[in-house]
Amino acid sequence: GSTMSSNIDVNQILAQMRAMAAASQGTQPSSGADAAPGADFASMLKQSVDSVNESQQQAGKLTDAFVKGDPNTSLSDVMVAVQKAGLSFEAMTQVRNKLVAAYQEVMNMQA
């Protein structure tokens, strides 16, 4: 099977948040990254959404194939795909919640 990694490193995101907060207070962390932190968050979130979308589409295709009687598609394949899609959606939601919380924290530090 395909080992598609849909994991997002929340600690990495939070580290970037702290770096952004430090930068906003005039203390530059020694990361050497010149990219705008906002762009990193946006691309991570987009990657997460794309991954969830892909797993949901895969689950949909397998479900359709199973319903149409495709002999190469078993019920367990369908169940696993649906389960994966649900879990990746849940994970994305948690990441989004942590991002929002961290973003609010950073904004409060600037105030």
N, C-alpha and C. Protein backbone atom coordinates (compact mmCIF):
# COMPACT_ATOMS: atom_id res chain seq x y z
N GLY A 1 0.83 -1.21 0.00
CA GLY A 1 0.00 0.00 0.00
C GLY A 1 0.85 1.24 0.00
N SER A 2 0.21 2.38 -0.18
CA SER A 2 0.94 3.65 -0.20
C SER A 2 1.07 4.18 1.21
N THR A 3 2.29 4.61 1.53
CA THR A 3 2.51 5.18 2.86
C THR A 3 2.55 6.70 2.73
N MET A 4 1.40 7.27 2.42
CA MET A 4 1.27 8.72 2.27
C MET A 4 1.29 9.36 3.64
N SER A 5 2.28 10.19 3.89
CA SER A 5 2.40 10.82 5.21
C SER A 5 1.52 12.06 5.27
N SER A 6 0.49 12.01 6.11
CA SER A 6 -0.38 13.17 6.26
C SER A 6 -0.17 13.81 7.63
N ASN A 7 0.95 13.51 8.26
CA ASN A 7 1.22 14.06 9.59
C ASN A 7 1.77 15.48 9.48
N ILE A 8 1.28 16.32 10.33
CA ILE A 8 1.78 17.68 10.39
C ILE A 8 2.44 17.86 11.74
N ASP A 9 3.65 18.38 11.75
CA ASP A 9 4.37 18.54 13.00
C ASP A 9 3.92 19.82 13.71
N VAL A 10 3.03 19.64 14.67
CA VAL A 10 2.49 20.78 15.39
C VAL A 10 3.60 21.52 16.16
N ASN A 11 4.56 20.76 16.68
CA ASN A 11 5.67 21.40 17.41
C ASN A 11 6.46 22.32 16.50
N GLN A 12 6.62 21.91 15.24
CA GLN A 12 7.33 22.74 14.27
C GLN A 12 6.54 24.04 14.04
N ILE A 13 5.23 23.92 13.94
CA ILE A 13 4.38 25.09 13.73
C ILE A 13 4.48 26.02 14.94
N LEU A 14 4.40 25.44 16.13
CA LEU A 14 4.48 26.26 17.34
C LEU A 14 5.84 26.93 17.47
N ALA A 15 6.90 26.23 17.06
CA ALA A 15 8.23 26.82 17.08
C ALA A 15 8.28 28.03 16.13
N GLN A 16 7.64 27.90 14.99
CA GLN A 16 7.60 29.02 14.04
C GLN A 16 6.80 30.18 14.63
N MET A 17 5.72 29.83 15.33
CA MET A 17 4.91 30.87 16.00
C MET A 17 5.78 31.65 17.00
N ARG A 18 6.54 30.89 17.81
CA ARG A 18 7.40 31.54 18.80
C ARG A 18 8.45 32.41 18.11
N ALA A 19 8.97 31.91 17.00
CA ALA A 19 9.96 32.68 16.24
C ALA A 19 9.33 33.97 15.72
N MET A 20 8.09 33.87 15.27
CA MET A 20 7.38 35.05 14.76
C MET A 20 7.15 36.04 15.89
N ALA A 21 6.79 35.53 17.07
CA ALA A 21 6.57 36.40 18.22
C ALA A 21 7.87 37.10 18.61
N ALA A 22 8.97 36.33 18.61
CA ALA A 22 10.27 36.89 18.94
C ALA A 22 10.66 37.98 17.94
N ALA A 23 10.40 37.71 16.66
CA ALA A 23 10.73 38.67 15.61
C ALA A 23 9.91 39.95 15.79
N SER A 24 8.65 39.79 16.20
CA SER A 24 7.78 40.96 16.36
C SER A 24 8.24 41.82 17.53
N GLN A 25 9.00 41.21 18.47
CA GLN A 25 9.49 41.96 19.62
C GLN A 25 10.93 42.44 19.40
N GLY A 26 11.42 42.24 18.18
CA GLY A 26 12.73 42.75 17.83
C GLY A 26 13.88 41.83 18.15
N THR A 27 13.60 40.65 18.72
CA THR A 27 14.67 39.69 18.98
C THR A 27 14.60 38.60 17.93
N GLN A 28 15.61 38.52 17.12
CA GLN A 28 15.60 37.56 16.01
C GLN A 28 16.15 36.22 16.48
N PRO A 29 15.35 35.15 16.39
CA PRO A 29 15.86 33.82 16.75
C PRO A 29 16.88 33.34 15.72
N SER A 30 17.81 32.52 16.14
CA SER A 30 18.86 32.06 15.24
C SER A 30 18.39 30.85 14.44
N SER A 31 17.45 31.10 13.51
CA SER A 31 16.94 30.00 12.70
C SER A 31 17.51 30.07 11.28
N GLY A 32 17.82 31.29 10.85
CA GLY A 32 18.37 31.45 9.51
C GLY A 32 17.32 31.39 8.43
N ALA A 33 16.04 31.31 8.81
CA ALA A 33 14.97 31.25 7.81
C ALA A 33 14.55 32.66 7.45
N ASP A 34 14.60 32.97 6.16
CA ASP A 34 14.21 34.29 5.70
C ASP A 34 12.76 34.32 5.25
N ALA A 35 12.13 33.17 5.10
CA ALA A 35 10.76 33.11 4.61
C ALA A 35 9.80 33.70 5.63
N ALA A 36 8.74 34.30 5.14
CA ALA A 36 7.72 34.83 6.03
C ALA A 36 7.01 33.68 6.73
N PRO A 37 6.95 33.74 8.08
CA PRO A 37 6.29 32.64 8.81
C PRO A 37 4.86 32.41 8.36
N GLY A 38 4.13 33.47 8.04
CA GLY A 38 2.75 33.34 7.60
C GLY A 38 2.62 32.43 6.39
N ALA A 39 3.58 32.53 5.48
CA ALA A 39 3.54 31.71 4.27
C ALA A 39 3.72 30.23 4.62
N ASP A 40 4.59 29.96 5.62
CA ASP A 40 4.80 28.58 6.06
C ASP A 40 3.52 27.99 6.62
N PHE A 41 2.82 28.78 7.46
CA PHE A 41 1.58 28.29 8.06
C PHE A 41 0.56 28.03 6.97
N ALA A 42 0.45 28.97 6.04
CA ALA A 42 -0.53 28.82 4.97
C ALA A 42 -0.24 27.57 4.16
N SER A 43 1.03 27.33 3.84
CA SER A 43 1.37 26.16 3.02
C SER A 43 1.17 24.87 3.81
N MET A 44 1.46 24.90 5.12
CA MET A 44 1.22 23.71 5.94
C MET A 44 -0.25 23.39 6.02
N LEU A 45 -1.05 24.44 6.21
CA LEU A 45 -2.49 24.24 6.31
C LEU A 45 -3.04 23.75 4.97
N LYS A 46 -2.55 24.33 3.87
CA LYS A 46 -3.00 23.90 2.55
C LYS A 46 -2.62 22.44 2.30
N GLN A 47 -1.41 22.08 2.70
CA GLN A 47 -0.94 20.70 2.56
C GLN A 47 -1.85 19.75 3.34
N SER A 48 -2.23 20.19 4.53
CA SER A 48 -3.12 19.40 5.38
C SER A 48 -4.48 19.23 4.73
N VAL A 49 -5.02 20.33 4.22
CA VAL A 49 -6.34 20.28 3.56
C VAL A 49 -6.27 19.40 2.32
N ASP A 50 -5.20 19.54 1.54
CA ASP A 50 -5.04 18.72 0.33
C ASP A 50 -4.99 17.23 0.68
N SER A 51 -4.28 16.92 1.75
CA SER A 51 -4.14 15.53 2.19
C SER A 51 -5.50 14.96 2.60
N VAL A 52 -6.26 15.75 3.35
CA VAL A 52 -7.59 15.32 3.78
C VAL A 52 -8.48 15.13 2.55
N ASN A 53 -8.43 16.08 1.64
CA ASN A 53 -9.23 16.02 0.42
C ASN A 53 -8.90 14.75 -0.38
N GLU A 54 -7.61 14.47 -0.48
CA GLU A 54 -7.16 13.29 -1.23
C GLU A 54 -7.69 12.00 -0.59
N SER A 55 -7.61 11.91 0.74
CA SER A 55 -8.07 10.70 1.41
C SER A 55 -9.59 10.56 1.31
N GLN A 56 -10.30 11.70 1.31
CA GLN A 56 -11.75 11.64 1.17
C GLN A 56 -12.14 11.23 -0.25
N GLN A 57 -11.41 11.72 -1.24
CA GLN A 57 -11.69 11.33 -2.63
C GLN A 57 -11.41 9.84 -2.83
N GLN A 58 -10.31 9.37 -2.25
CA GLN A 58 -9.96 7.95 -2.35
C GLN A 58 -11.06 7.09 -1.72
N ALA A 59 -11.54 7.50 -0.55
CA ALA A 59 -12.62 6.77 0.12
C ALA A 59 -13.87 6.77 -0.75
N GLY A 60 -14.16 7.90 -1.37
CA GLY A 60 -15.33 8.01 -2.25
C GLY A 60 -15.23 7.09 -3.45
N LYS A 61 -14.04 7.05 -4.06
CA LYS A 61 -13.82 6.18 -5.23
C LYS A 61 -13.98 4.71 -4.86
N LEU A 62 -13.39 4.32 -3.73
CA LEU A 62 -13.49 2.92 -3.29
C LEU A 62 -14.95 2.56 -2.97
N THR A 63 -15.64 3.48 -2.33
CA THR A 63 -17.05 3.24 -2.00
C THR A 63 -17.86 3.04 -3.28
N ASP A 64 -17.65 3.92 -4.27
CA ASP A 64 -18.36 3.80 -5.55
C ASP A 64 -18.05 2.47 -6.22
N ALA A 65 -16.76 2.11 -6.24
CA ALA A 65 -16.34 0.86 -6.88
C ALA A 65 -17.01 -0.34 -6.19
N PHE A 66 -17.04 -0.30 -4.86
CA PHE A 66 -17.63 -1.40 -4.11
C PHE A 66 -19.13 -1.51 -4.40
N VAL A 67 -19.81 -0.36 -4.42
CA VAL A 67 -21.26 -0.33 -4.68
C VAL A 67 -21.56 -0.86 -6.07
N LYS A 68 -20.67 -0.57 -7.03
CA LYS A 68 -20.87 -1.04 -8.42
C LYS A 68 -20.47 -2.49 -8.59
N GLY A 69 -19.96 -3.10 -7.53
CA GLY A 69 -19.63 -4.53 -7.59
C GLY A 69 -18.25 -4.85 -8.14
N ASP A 70 -17.34 -3.91 -8.06
CA ASP A 70 -15.97 -4.15 -8.52
C ASP A 70 -15.36 -5.30 -7.71
N PRO A 71 -14.94 -6.38 -8.40
CA PRO A 71 -14.39 -7.54 -7.69
C PRO A 71 -13.05 -7.26 -7.00
N ASN A 72 -12.36 -6.19 -7.41
CA ASN A 72 -11.06 -5.86 -6.81
C ASN A 72 -11.19 -4.99 -5.56
N THR A 73 -12.42 -4.64 -5.19
CA THR A 73 -12.62 -3.77 -4.04
C THR A 73 -13.39 -4.52 -2.96
N SER A 74 -12.73 -4.70 -1.81
CA SER A 74 -13.39 -5.41 -0.70
C SER A 74 -14.00 -4.41 0.27
N LEU A 75 -14.94 -4.90 1.06
CA LEU A 75 -15.57 -4.04 2.06
C LEU A 75 -14.52 -3.51 3.04
N SER A 76 -13.55 -4.36 3.38
CA SER A 76 -12.53 -3.90 4.33
C SER A 76 -11.70 -2.75 3.74
N ASP A 77 -11.43 -2.80 2.42
CA ASP A 77 -10.72 -1.69 1.77
C ASP A 77 -11.50 -0.39 1.94
N VAL A 78 -12.81 -0.50 1.70
CA VAL A 78 -13.68 0.67 1.81
C VAL A 78 -13.68 1.19 3.24
N MET A 79 -13.83 0.29 4.20
CA MET A 79 -13.89 0.69 5.61
C MET A 79 -12.59 1.37 6.04
N VAL A 80 -11.46 0.81 5.62
CA VAL A 80 -10.16 1.40 5.98
C VAL A 80 -10.01 2.79 5.37
N ALA A 81 -10.40 2.93 4.10
CA ALA A 81 -10.29 4.23 3.43
C ALA A 81 -11.17 5.28 4.09
N VAL A 82 -12.40 4.88 4.44
CA VAL A 82 -13.32 5.81 5.10
C VAL A 82 -12.78 6.20 6.47
N GLN A 83 -12.24 5.22 7.18
CA GLN A 83 -11.66 5.46 8.50
C GLN A 83 -10.47 6.43 8.41
N LYS A 84 -9.60 6.21 7.40
CA LYS A 84 -8.44 7.08 7.19
C LYS A 84 -8.88 8.51 6.92
N ALA A 85 -9.90 8.64 6.05
CA ALA A 85 -10.40 9.96 5.69
C ALA A 85 -10.92 10.68 6.94
N GLY A 86 -11.66 9.95 7.77
CA GLY A 86 -12.19 10.53 8.99
C GLY A 86 -11.10 10.96 9.94
N LEU A 87 -10.09 10.10 10.10
CA LEU A 87 -8.98 10.42 11.00
C LEU A 87 -8.16 11.61 10.50
N SER A 88 -7.92 11.67 9.19
CA SER A 88 -7.12 12.78 8.67
C SER A 88 -7.90 14.09 8.80
N PHE A 89 -9.23 14.02 8.66
CA PHE A 89 -10.04 15.22 8.84
C PHE A 89 -9.98 15.69 10.30
N GLU A 90 -10.08 14.72 11.22
CA GLU A 90 -10.01 15.03 12.65
C GLU A 90 -8.66 15.65 13.00
N ALA A 91 -7.59 15.06 12.46
CA ALA A 91 -6.24 15.57 12.72
C ALA A 91 -6.09 16.99 12.20
N MET A 92 -6.62 17.24 10.99
CA MET A 92 -6.52 18.57 10.40
C MET A 92 -7.27 19.58 11.27
N THR A 93 -8.43 19.18 11.78
CA THR A 93 -9.22 20.08 12.63
C THR A 93 -8.45 20.44 13.90
N GLN A 94 -7.79 19.44 14.49
CA GLN A 94 -7.01 19.70 15.69
C GLN A 94 -5.83 20.62 15.40
N VAL A 95 -5.17 20.39 14.28
CA VAL A 95 -4.05 21.26 13.89
C VAL A 95 -4.55 22.67 13.68
N ARG A 96 -5.68 22.80 13.00
CA ARG A 96 -6.25 24.12 12.75
C ARG A 96 -6.54 24.82 14.07
N ASN A 97 -7.15 24.09 15.02
CA ASN A 97 -7.47 24.67 16.32
C ASN A 97 -6.20 25.14 17.04
N LYS A 98 -5.14 24.32 16.98
CA LYS A 98 -3.89 24.69 17.63
C LYS A 98 -3.25 25.89 16.95
N LEU A 99 -3.35 25.93 15.62
CA LEU A 99 -2.82 27.08 14.88
C LEU A 99 -3.54 28.36 15.28
N VAL A 100 -4.87 28.28 15.35
CA VAL A 100 -5.66 29.46 15.71
C VAL A 100 -5.29 29.92 17.12
N ALA A 101 -5.20 28.96 18.06
CA ALA A 101 -4.84 29.30 19.44
C ALA A 101 -3.46 29.93 19.51
N ALA A 102 -2.50 29.34 18.78
CA ALA A 102 -1.13 29.88 18.79
C ALA A 102 -1.08 31.25 18.13
N TYR A 103 -1.85 31.42 17.06
CA TYR A 103 -1.90 32.71 16.37
C TYR A 103 -2.45 33.79 17.30
N GLN A 104 -3.53 33.44 18.02
CA GLN A 104 -4.13 34.40 18.96
C GLN A 104 -3.13 34.76 20.06
N GLU A 105 -2.36 33.74 20.51
CA GLU A 105 -1.36 33.97 21.54
C GLU A 105 -0.30 34.95 21.03
N VAL A 106 0.14 34.74 19.78
CA VAL A 106 1.14 35.63 19.19
C VAL A 106 0.58 37.05 19.06
N MET A 107 -0.67 37.16 18.63
CA MET A 107 -1.29 38.49 18.48
C MET A 107 -1.40 39.18 19.85
N ASN A 108 -1.72 38.41 20.89
CA ASN A 108 -1.83 38.98 22.23
C ASN A 108 -0.46 39.47 22.74
N MET A 109 0.60 38.74 22.34
CA MET A 109 1.95 39.14 22.77
C MET A 109 2.33 40.48 22.13
N GLN A 110 1.81 40.74 20.93
CA GLN A 110 2.16 41.97 20.23
C GLN A 110 1.40 43.17 20.78
N ALA A 111 0.25 42.90 21.39
CA ALA A 111 -0.60 43.99 21.86
C ALA A 111 0.04 44.75 23.02
